Amino acid sequence: MALLEARAVTVRFGGNVALSEVDLAAEAGQVTGLIGPNGAGKTTLFNVVSGLVRPKSGRVVLDGTDVTRRGPAARSRRGLGRTFQRLEVFGHLSVLDNLRVAAEFRRGGPPVDGILRRLGLEDIADVRADAVPTGRARLIELGRALAVRPKVLLLDEPASGQDEHETGRFGELLRELAAGGLAVVLVEHDMRLVMAACDVVHVLDLGKVIASGPPDRIRADSAVLDAYLGTAS
């Protein structure tokens, strides 16, 4: 079941075509990868899906409802959660209070204590967020996104700043979240994480989808090798 669909999305910034007729679907119970070189349009597509950018044409459908003309808050209330490429936490608040702020936006969400345990953040619950190393601060962002009780979770380079051990655990966590019924969409440059965690991968290049399929097929696709992965991969 596709909880999220972007249909024929086109975005122009002046004379620059950032996205051209892009389709993306994310199903419940799956981790969907979105990869491509810098400037390919990945974050722009996330901005369209989350309501920060209005497409020139195309539609965004969230859990069966067309939300193309709805803003970010309305989409969040309908079950869309997101993290951003640049680390965004309330540095002056504790880890626990960062999650509480998010939980207040969506009443009836999961208890924040449970999220802390799930993400392994109990030991730093009372620590100011700006004192937390980047790898674990990424988990604070994830915890805030989970606190709004999402059905669809957009993660923009969430492994940035994580070491190899943290990235491996993060991949396992994504699989667990998907197994619980979430549709997870992952933008990431760490190919080990993408290939290990994702069920399906879409590849963007110059604003167009050049390949879609399971990780093994993407790894062997000649167009993807030329545009992004390189023959050495």
C-alpha atoms as a PDB file:
ATOM      1  CA  MET A   1       0.000   0.000   0.000  1.00  0.00           C
ATOM      2  CA  ALA A   2       1.545   3.328  -1.080  1.00  0.00           C
ATOM      3  CA  LEU A   3       1.167   5.791   1.787  1.00  0.00           C
ATOM      4  CA  LEU A   4       2.992   8.470  -0.192  1.00  0.00           C
ATOM      5  CA  GLU A   5       2.910   9.210  -3.909  1.00  0.00           C
ATOM      6  CA  ALA A   6       4.527  12.010  -5.851  1.00  0.00           C
ATOM      7  CA  ARG A   7       3.087  11.996  -9.356  1.00  0.00           C
ATOM      8  CA  ALA A   8       4.749  13.703 -12.339  1.00  0.00           C
ATOM      9  CA  VAL A   9       6.263  16.414 -10.141  1.00  0.00           C
ATOM     10  CA  THR A  10       7.970  19.264 -12.001  1.00  0.00           C
ATOM     11  CA  VAL A  11       9.738  22.163 -10.259  1.00  0.00           C
ATOM     12  CA  ARG A  12      11.361  25.154 -11.928  1.00  0.00           C
ATOM     13  CA  PHE A  13      13.468  27.852 -10.300  1.00  0.00           C
ATOM     14  CA  GLY A  14      13.578  30.562 -12.933  1.00  0.00           C
ATOM     15  CA  GLY A  15      14.951  28.920 -16.049  1.00  0.00           C
ATOM     16  CA  ASN A  16      16.372  25.964 -14.108  1.00  0.00           C
ATOM     17  CA  VAL A  17      14.352  22.738 -14.116  1.00  0.00           C
ATOM     18  CA  ALA A  18      15.050  21.191 -10.708  1.00  0.00           C
ATOM     19  CA  LEU A  19      12.628  18.278 -11.142  1.00  0.00           C
ATOM     20  CA  SER A  20      11.075  16.975 -14.346  1.00  0.00           C
ATOM     21  CA  GLU A  21       8.050  14.658 -14.261  1.00  0.00           C
ATOM     22  CA  VAL A  22       9.307  12.814 -11.180  1.00  0.00           C
ATOM     23  CA  ASP A  23       7.329   9.912  -9.728  1.00  0.00           C
ATOM     24  CA  LEU A  24       7.972   8.471  -6.279  1.00  0.00           C
ATOM     25  CA  ALA A  25       5.985   6.006  -4.198  1.00  0.00           C
ATOM     26  CA  ALA A  26       6.633   4.878  -0.637  1.00  0.00           C
ATOM     27  CA  GLU A  27       4.823   1.867   0.772  1.00  0.00           C
ATOM     28  CA  ALA A  28       3.985   0.971   4.342  1.00  0.00           C
ATOM     29  CA  GLY A  29       6.448  -1.546   5.722  1.00  0.00           C
ATOM     30  CA  GLN A  30       9.267  -0.566   3.362  1.00  0.00           C
ATOM     31  CA  VAL A  31      12.374   1.617   3.352  1.00  0.00           C
ATOM     32  CA  THR A  32      12.555   3.531   0.076  1.00  0.00           C
ATOM     33  CA  GLY A  33      15.916   5.006  -0.906  1.00  0.00           C
ATOM     34  CA  LEU A  34      16.440   8.172  -2.923  1.00  0.00           C
ATOM     35  CA  ILE A  35      20.002   8.639  -4.150  1.00  0.00           C
ATOM     36  CA  GLY A  36      21.900  10.674  -6.720  1.00  0.00           C
ATOM     37  CA  PRO A  37      24.721  13.187  -7.091  1.00  0.00           C
ATOM     38  CA  ASN A  38      24.666  16.583  -5.418  1.00  0.00           C
ATOM     39  CA  GLY A  39      22.229  18.871  -7.209  1.00  0.00           C
ATOM     40  CA  ALA A  40      20.157  15.983  -8.558  1.00  0.00           C
ATOM     41  CA  GLY A  41      16.963  17.272  -6.906  1.00  0.00           C
ATOM     42  CA  LYS A  42      16.639  14.978  -3.890  1.00  0.00           C
ATOM     43  CA  THR A  43      16.083  17.653  -1.247  1.00  0.00           C
ATOM     44  CA  THR A  44      13.867  19.625  -3.634  1.00  0.00           C
ATOM     45  CA  LEU A  45      11.642  16.557  -3.958  1.00  0.00           C
ATOM     46  CA  PHE A  46      11.517  16.255  -0.156  1.00  0.00           C
ATOM     47  CA  ASN A  47      10.562  19.933   0.032  1.00  0.00           C
ATOM     48  CA  VAL A  48       7.727  19.360  -2.441  1.00  0.00           C
ATOM     49  CA  VAL A  49       6.479  16.328  -0.530  1.00  0.00           C
ATOM     50  CA  SER A  50       6.594  18.142   2.819  1.00  0.00           C
ATOM     51  CA  GLY A  51       4.916  21.302   1.500  1.00  0.00           C
ATOM     52  CA  LEU A  52       7.849  23.729   1.548  1.00  0.00           C
ATOM     53  CA  VAL A  53       7.953  24.044  -2.247  1.00  0.00           C
ATOM     54  CA  ARG A  54       4.913  24.205  -4.552  1.00  0.00           C
ATOM     55  CA  PRO A  55       5.488  22.240  -7.782  1.00  0.00           C
ATOM     56  CA  LYS A  56       4.937  23.784 -11.195  1.00  0.00           C
ATOM     57  CA  SER A  57       2.917  20.684 -12.039  1.00  0.00           C
ATOM     58  CA  GLY A  58       2.195  17.276 -10.554  1.00  0.00           C
ATOM     59  CA  ARG A  59       0.540  16.015  -7.385  1.00  0.00           C
ATOM     60  CA  VAL A  60       1.428  14.791  -3.909  1.00  0.00           C
ATOM     61  CA  VAL A  61      -0.887  12.194  -2.380  1.00  0.00           C
ATOM     62  CA  LEU A  62      -0.540  11.299   1.304  1.00  0.00           C
ATOM     63  CA  ASP A  63      -2.445   8.300   2.628  1.00  0.00           C
ATOM     64  CA  GLY A  64      -5.004   8.600  -0.179  1.00  0.00           C
ATOM     65  CA  THR A  65      -5.525  12.370   0.116  1.00  0.00           C
ATOM     66  CA  ASP A  66      -4.247  14.941  -2.374  1.00  0.00           C
ATOM     67  CA  VAL A  67      -2.195  17.377  -0.262  1.00  0.00           C
ATOM     68  CA  THR A  68      -0.551  19.279  -3.122  1.00  0.00           C
ATOM     69  CA  ARG A  69      -2.034  22.596  -2.018  1.00  0.00           C
ATOM     70  CA  ARG A  70      -1.746  22.014   1.724  1.00  0.00           C
ATOM     71  CA  GLY A  71       1.009  23.421   3.916  1.00  0.00           C
ATOM     72  CA  PRO A  72       3.608  21.623   6.032  1.00  0.00           C
ATOM     73  CA  ALA A  73       1.555  21.701   9.253  1.00  0.00           C
ATOM     74  CA  ALA A  74      -1.477  20.129   7.576  1.00  0.00           C
ATOM     75  CA  ARG A  75       0.704  17.401   6.092  1.00  0.00           C
ATOM     76  CA  SER A  76       2.283  16.724   9.465  1.00  0.00           C
ATOM     77  CA  ARG A  77      -1.155  16.319  11.016  1.00  0.00           C
ATOM     78  CA  ARG A  78      -1.995  13.813   8.287  1.00  0.00           C
ATOM     79  CA  GLY A  79       1.030  11.735   9.231  1.00  0.00           C
ATOM     80  CA  LEU A  80       4.151  13.125   7.573  1.00  0.00           C
ATOM     81  CA  GLY A  81       7.350  13.393   9.605  1.00  0.00           C
ATOM     82  CA  ARG A  82      10.695  14.719   8.409  1.00  0.00           C
ATOM     83  CA  THR A  83      14.299  15.387   9.330  1.00  0.00           C
ATOM     84  CA  PHE A  84      16.581  17.809   7.470  1.00  0.00           C
ATOM     85  CA  GLN A  85      20.006  17.607   5.879  1.00  0.00           C
ATOM     86  CA  ARG A  86      21.346  20.256   8.236  1.00  0.00           C
ATOM     87  CA  LEU A  87      21.229  19.202  11.878  1.00  0.00           C
ATOM     88  CA  GLU A  88      18.268  20.937  13.555  1.00  0.00           C
ATOM     89  CA  VAL A  89      17.796  20.566  17.315  1.00  0.00           C
ATOM     90  CA  PHE A  90      16.778  22.975  20.065  1.00  0.00           C
ATOM     91  CA  GLY A  91      20.256  23.259  21.528  1.00  0.00           C
ATOM     92  CA  HIS A  92      19.252  25.013  24.748  1.00  0.00           C
ATOM     93  CA  LEU A  93      16.730  22.283  25.609  1.00  0.00           C
ATOM     94  CA  SER A  94      17.438  18.835  26.989  1.00  0.00           C
ATOM     95  CA  VAL A  95      17.141  15.767  24.766  1.00  0.00           C
ATOM     96  CA  LEU A  96      13.897  14.860  26.532  1.00  0.00           C
ATOM     97  CA  ASP A  97      12.426  18.338  26.099  1.00  0.00           C
ATOM     98  CA  ASN A  98      13.276  18.295  22.382  1.00  0.00           C
ATOM     99  CA  LEU A  99      10.981  15.291  22.054  1.00  0.00           C
ATOM    100  CA  ARG A 100       8.321  16.807  24.293  1.00  0.00           C
ATOM    101  CA  VAL A 101       8.098  19.910  22.090  1.00  0.00           C
ATOM    102  CA  ALA A 102       7.378  17.726  19.081  1.00  0.00           C
ATOM    103  CA  ALA A 103       4.892  15.564  20.978  1.00  0.00           C
ATOM    104  CA  GLU A 104       2.832  18.619  21.930  1.00  0.00           C
ATOM    105  CA  PHE A 105       2.164  19.260  18.238  1.00  0.00           C
ATOM    106  CA  ARG A 106       0.430  15.905  17.829  1.00  0.00           C
ATOM    107  CA  ARG A 107      -1.623  14.939  20.846  1.00  0.00           C
ATOM    108  CA  GLY A 108      -2.147  11.238  21.297  1.00  0.00           C
ATOM    109  CA  GLY A 109       1.307  10.424  19.966  1.00  0.00           C
ATOM    110  CA  PRO A 110       3.600   7.796  21.487  1.00  0.00           C
ATOM    111  CA  PRO A 111       5.037   8.499  24.970  1.00  0.00           C
ATOM    112  CA  VAL A 112       8.385  10.238  24.629  1.00  0.00           C
ATOM    113  CA  ASP A 113       9.938   7.971  27.263  1.00  0.00           C
ATOM    114  CA  GLY A 114       9.269   5.035  24.957  1.00  0.00           C
ATOM    115  CA  ILE A 115      10.946   6.831  22.052  1.00  0.00           C
ATOM    116  CA  LEU A 116      13.988   7.561  24.210  1.00  0.00           C
ATOM    117  CA  ARG A 117      14.314   3.875  25.067  1.00  0.00           C
ATOM    118  CA  ARG A 118      13.821   2.777  21.476  1.00  0.00           C
ATOM    119  CA  LEU A 119      16.547   5.103  20.237  1.00  0.00           C
ATOM    120  CA  GLY A 120      18.926   4.405  23.111  1.00  0.00           C
ATOM    121  CA  LEU A 121      18.887   7.969  24.399  1.00  0.00           C
ATOM    122  CA  GLU A 122      17.796   7.368  28.005  1.00  0.00           C
ATOM    123  CA  ASP A 123      21.303   7.956  29.361  1.00  0.00           C
ATOM    124  CA  ILE A 124      21.411  11.501  27.938  1.00  0.00           C
ATOM    125  CA  ALA A 125      17.741  12.439  28.420  1.00  0.00           C
ATOM    126  CA  ASP A 126      18.628  15.392  30.680  1.00  0.00           C
ATOM    127  CA  VAL A 127      21.658  16.583  28.670  1.00  0.00           C
ATOM    128  CA  ARG A 128      21.393  19.784  26.628  1.00  0.00           C
ATOM    129  CA  ALA A 129      21.027  18.909  22.961  1.00  0.00           C
ATOM    130  CA  ASP A 130      23.888  21.183  21.910  1.00  0.00           C
ATOM    131  CA  ALA A 131      26.248  19.110  24.087  1.00  0.00           C
ATOM    132  CA  VAL A 132      25.403  15.837  22.319  1.00  0.00           C
ATOM    133  CA  PRO A 133      27.787  14.485  19.636  1.00  0.00           C
ATOM    134  CA  THR A 134      26.480  14.793  16.085  1.00  0.00           C
ATOM    135  CA  GLY A 135      25.897  11.069  15.592  1.00  0.00           C
ATOM    136  CA  ARG A 136      23.546  10.842  18.549  1.00  0.00           C
ATOM    137  CA  ALA A 137      22.038  14.255  17.844  1.00  0.00           C
ATOM    138  CA  ARG A 138      20.765  12.743  14.600  1.00  0.00           C
ATOM    139  CA  LEU A 139      18.769  10.348  16.777  1.00  0.00           C
ATOM    140  CA  ILE A 140      17.238  13.321  18.596  1.00  0.00           C
ATOM    141  CA  GLU A 141      15.972  14.559  15.221  1.00  0.00           C
ATOM    142  CA  LEU A 142      14.571  11.119  14.478  1.00  0.00           C
ATOM    143  CA  GLY A 143      12.916  11.017  17.897  1.00  0.00           C
ATOM    144  CA  ARG A 144      11.195  14.348  17.275  1.00  0.00           C
ATOM    145  CA  ALA A 145       9.921  13.087  13.934  1.00  0.00           C
ATOM    146  CA  LEU A 146       8.564   9.943  15.583  1.00  0.00           C
ATOM    147  CA  ALA A 147       6.900  11.997  18.327  1.00  0.00           C
ATOM    148  CA  VAL A 148       4.420  13.436  15.819  1.00  0.00           C
ATOM    149  CA  ARG A 149       3.161   9.887  15.159  1.00  0.00           C
ATOM    150  CA  PRO A 150       4.001   9.713  11.442  1.00  0.00           C
ATOM    151  CA  LYS A 151       2.805   7.272   8.854  1.00  0.00           C
ATOM    152  CA  VAL A 152       5.452   8.459   6.408  1.00  0.00           C
ATOM    153  CA  LEU A 153       8.955   9.377   7.562  1.00  0.00           C
ATOM    154  CA  LEU A 154      11.297  11.443   5.342  1.00  0.00           C
ATOM    155  CA  LEU A 155      14.959  11.300   6.394  1.00  0.00           C
ATOM    156  CA  ASP A 156      17.428  13.637   4.653  1.00  0.00           C
ATOM    157  CA  GLU A 157      21.000  12.339   5.099  1.00  0.00           C
ATOM    158  CA  PRO A 158      20.372  11.109   8.658  1.00  0.00           C
ATOM    159  CA  ALA A 159      23.669   9.187   8.872  1.00  0.00           C
ATOM    160  CA  SER A 160      25.778  12.325   8.409  1.00  0.00           C
ATOM    161  CA  GLY A 161      28.134  12.595  11.372  1.00  0.00           C
ATOM    162  CA  GLN A 162      27.658   8.994  12.476  1.00  0.00           C
ATOM    163  CA  ASP A 163      30.540   6.541  12.793  1.00  0.00           C
ATOM    164  CA  GLU A 164      30.459   3.070  11.251  1.00  0.00           C
ATOM    165  CA  HIS A 165      28.936   1.429  14.331  1.00  0.00           C
ATOM    166  CA  GLU A 166      26.252   4.115  14.676  1.00  0.00           C
ATOM    167  CA  THR A 167      25.395   3.848  10.976  1.00  0.00           C
ATOM    168  CA  GLY A 168      25.025   0.073  11.202  1.00  0.00           C
ATOM    169  CA  ARG A 169      22.680   0.370  14.167  1.00  0.00           C
ATOM    170  CA  PHE A 170      20.782   3.131  12.401  1.00  0.00           C
ATOM    171  CA  GLY A 171      20.129   0.841   9.430  1.00  0.00           C
ATOM    172  CA  GLU A 172      18.744  -1.806  11.772  1.00  0.00           C
ATOM    173  CA  LEU A 173      16.528   0.829  13.364  1.00  0.00           C
ATOM    174  CA  LEU A 174      15.113   1.865   9.988  1.00  0.00           C
ATOM    175  CA  ARG A 175      14.227  -1.745   9.237  1.00  0.00           C
ATOM    176  CA  GLU A 176      12.487  -2.018  12.632  1.00  0.00           C
ATOM    177  CA  LEU A 177      10.483   1.160  12.015  1.00  0.00           C
ATOM    178  CA  ALA A 178       9.376  -0.069   8.616  1.00  0.00           C
ATOM    179  CA  ALA A 179       8.449  -3.452  10.060  1.00  0.00           C
ATOM    180  CA  GLY A 180       6.158  -1.569  12.446  1.00  0.00           C
ATOM    181  CA  GLY A 181       4.169  -0.194   9.498  1.00  0.00           C
ATOM    182  CA  LEU A 182       5.930   3.062   8.662  1.00  0.00           C
ATOM    183  CA  ALA A 183       6.780   4.121   5.127  1.00  0.00           C
ATOM    184  CA  VAL A 184      10.368   5.338   5.404  1.00  0.00           C
ATOM    185  CA  VAL A 185      11.985   7.419   2.643  1.00  0.00           C
ATOM    186  CA  LEU A 186      15.741   7.828   2.928  1.00  0.00           C
ATOM    187  CA  VAL A 187      18.002  10.329   1.156  1.00  0.00           C
ATOM    188  CA  GLU A 188      21.548   9.214   1.857  1.00  0.00           C
ATOM    189  CA  HIS A 189      25.058   9.206   0.355  1.00  0.00           C
ATOM    190  CA  ASP A 190      26.296   6.299   2.473  1.00  0.00           C
ATOM    191  CA  MET A 191      25.782   3.469  -0.011  1.00  0.00           C
ATOM    192  CA  ARG A 192      26.419   0.741   2.530  1.00  0.00           C
ATOM    193  CA  LEU A 193      23.474   2.020   4.539  1.00  0.00           C
ATOM    194  CA  VAL A 194      21.272   2.420   1.456  1.00  0.00           C
ATOM    195  CA  MET A 195      22.012  -1.043   0.089  1.00  0.00           C
ATOM    196  CA  ALA A 196      21.569  -2.712   3.488  1.00  0.00           C
ATOM    197  CA  ALA A 197      18.415  -0.923   4.658  1.00  0.00           C
ATOM    198  CA  CYS A 198      16.347  -0.181   1.549  1.00  0.00           C
ATOM    199  CA  ASP A 199      13.765  -2.390  -0.154  1.00  0.00           C
ATOM    200  CA  VAL A 200      13.661  -0.225  -3.264  1.00  0.00           C
ATOM    201  CA  VAL A 201      15.889   2.592  -4.504  1.00  0.00           C
ATOM    202  CA  HIS A 202      15.147   5.487  -6.862  1.00  0.00           C
ATOM    203  CA  VAL A 203      18.034   7.312  -8.530  1.00  0.00           C
ATOM    204  CA  LEU A 204      17.763  10.977  -9.458  1.00  0.00           C
ATOM    205  CA  ASP A 205      20.122  12.726 -11.863  1.00  0.00           C
ATOM    206  CA  LEU A 206      19.629  16.262 -13.179  1.00  0.00           C
ATOM    207  CA  GLY A 207      16.069  16.309 -11.883  1.00  0.00           C
ATOM    208  CA  LYS A 208      14.961  13.050 -13.512  1.00  0.00           C
ATOM    209  CA  VAL A 209      14.541   9.499 -12.243  1.00  0.00           C
ATOM    210  CA  ILE A 210      17.045   7.414 -14.207  1.00  0.00           C
ATOM    211  CA  ALA A 211      16.505   4.096 -12.416  1.00  0.00           C
ATOM    212  CA  SER A 212      14.244   2.423  -9.856  1.00  0.00           C
ATOM    213  CA  GLY A 213      14.319  -1.020  -8.332  1.00  0.00           C
ATOM    214  CA  PRO A 214      15.761  -3.226  -5.590  1.00  0.00           C
ATOM    215  CA  PRO A 215      19.292  -2.423  -4.386  1.00  0.00           C
ATOM    216  CA  ASP A 216      21.013  -5.259  -6.271  1.00  0.00           C
ATOM    217  CA  ARG A 217      19.553  -4.089  -9.576  1.00  0.00           C
ATOM    218  CA  ILE A 218      20.505  -0.470  -8.881  1.00  0.00           C
ATOM    219  CA  ARG A 219      24.052  -1.495  -7.977  1.00  0.00           C
ATOM    220  CA  ALA A 220      24.459  -3.112 -11.387  1.00  0.00           C
ATOM    221  CA  ASP A 221      22.636  -0.501 -13.503  1.00  0.00           C
ATOM    222  CA  SER A 222      25.018   0.980 -16.074  1.00  0.00           C
ATOM    223  CA  ALA A 223      23.259   4.382 -16.118  1.00  0.00           C
ATOM    224  CA  VAL A 224      23.548   4.619 -12.327  1.00  0.00           C
ATOM    225  CA  LEU A 225      27.208   3.612 -12.427  1.00  0.00           C
ATOM    226  CA  ASP A 226      27.944   6.314 -14.981  1.00  0.00           C
ATOM    227  CA  ALA A 227      25.927   9.034 -13.223  1.00  0.00           C
ATOM    228  CA  TYR A 228      26.648   8.359  -9.575  1.00  0.00           C
ATOM    229  CA  LEU A 229      28.113   5.152  -8.195  1.00  0.00           C
ATOM    230  CA  GLY A 230      31.099   4.822 -10.532  1.00  0.00           C
ATOM    231  CA  THR A 231      32.480   1.650 -12.060  1.00  0.00           C
ATOM    232  CA  ALA A 232      34.609   0.917  -8.994  1.00  0.00           C
ATOM    233  CA  SER A 233      31.444   0.297  -6.958  1.00  0.00           C
END
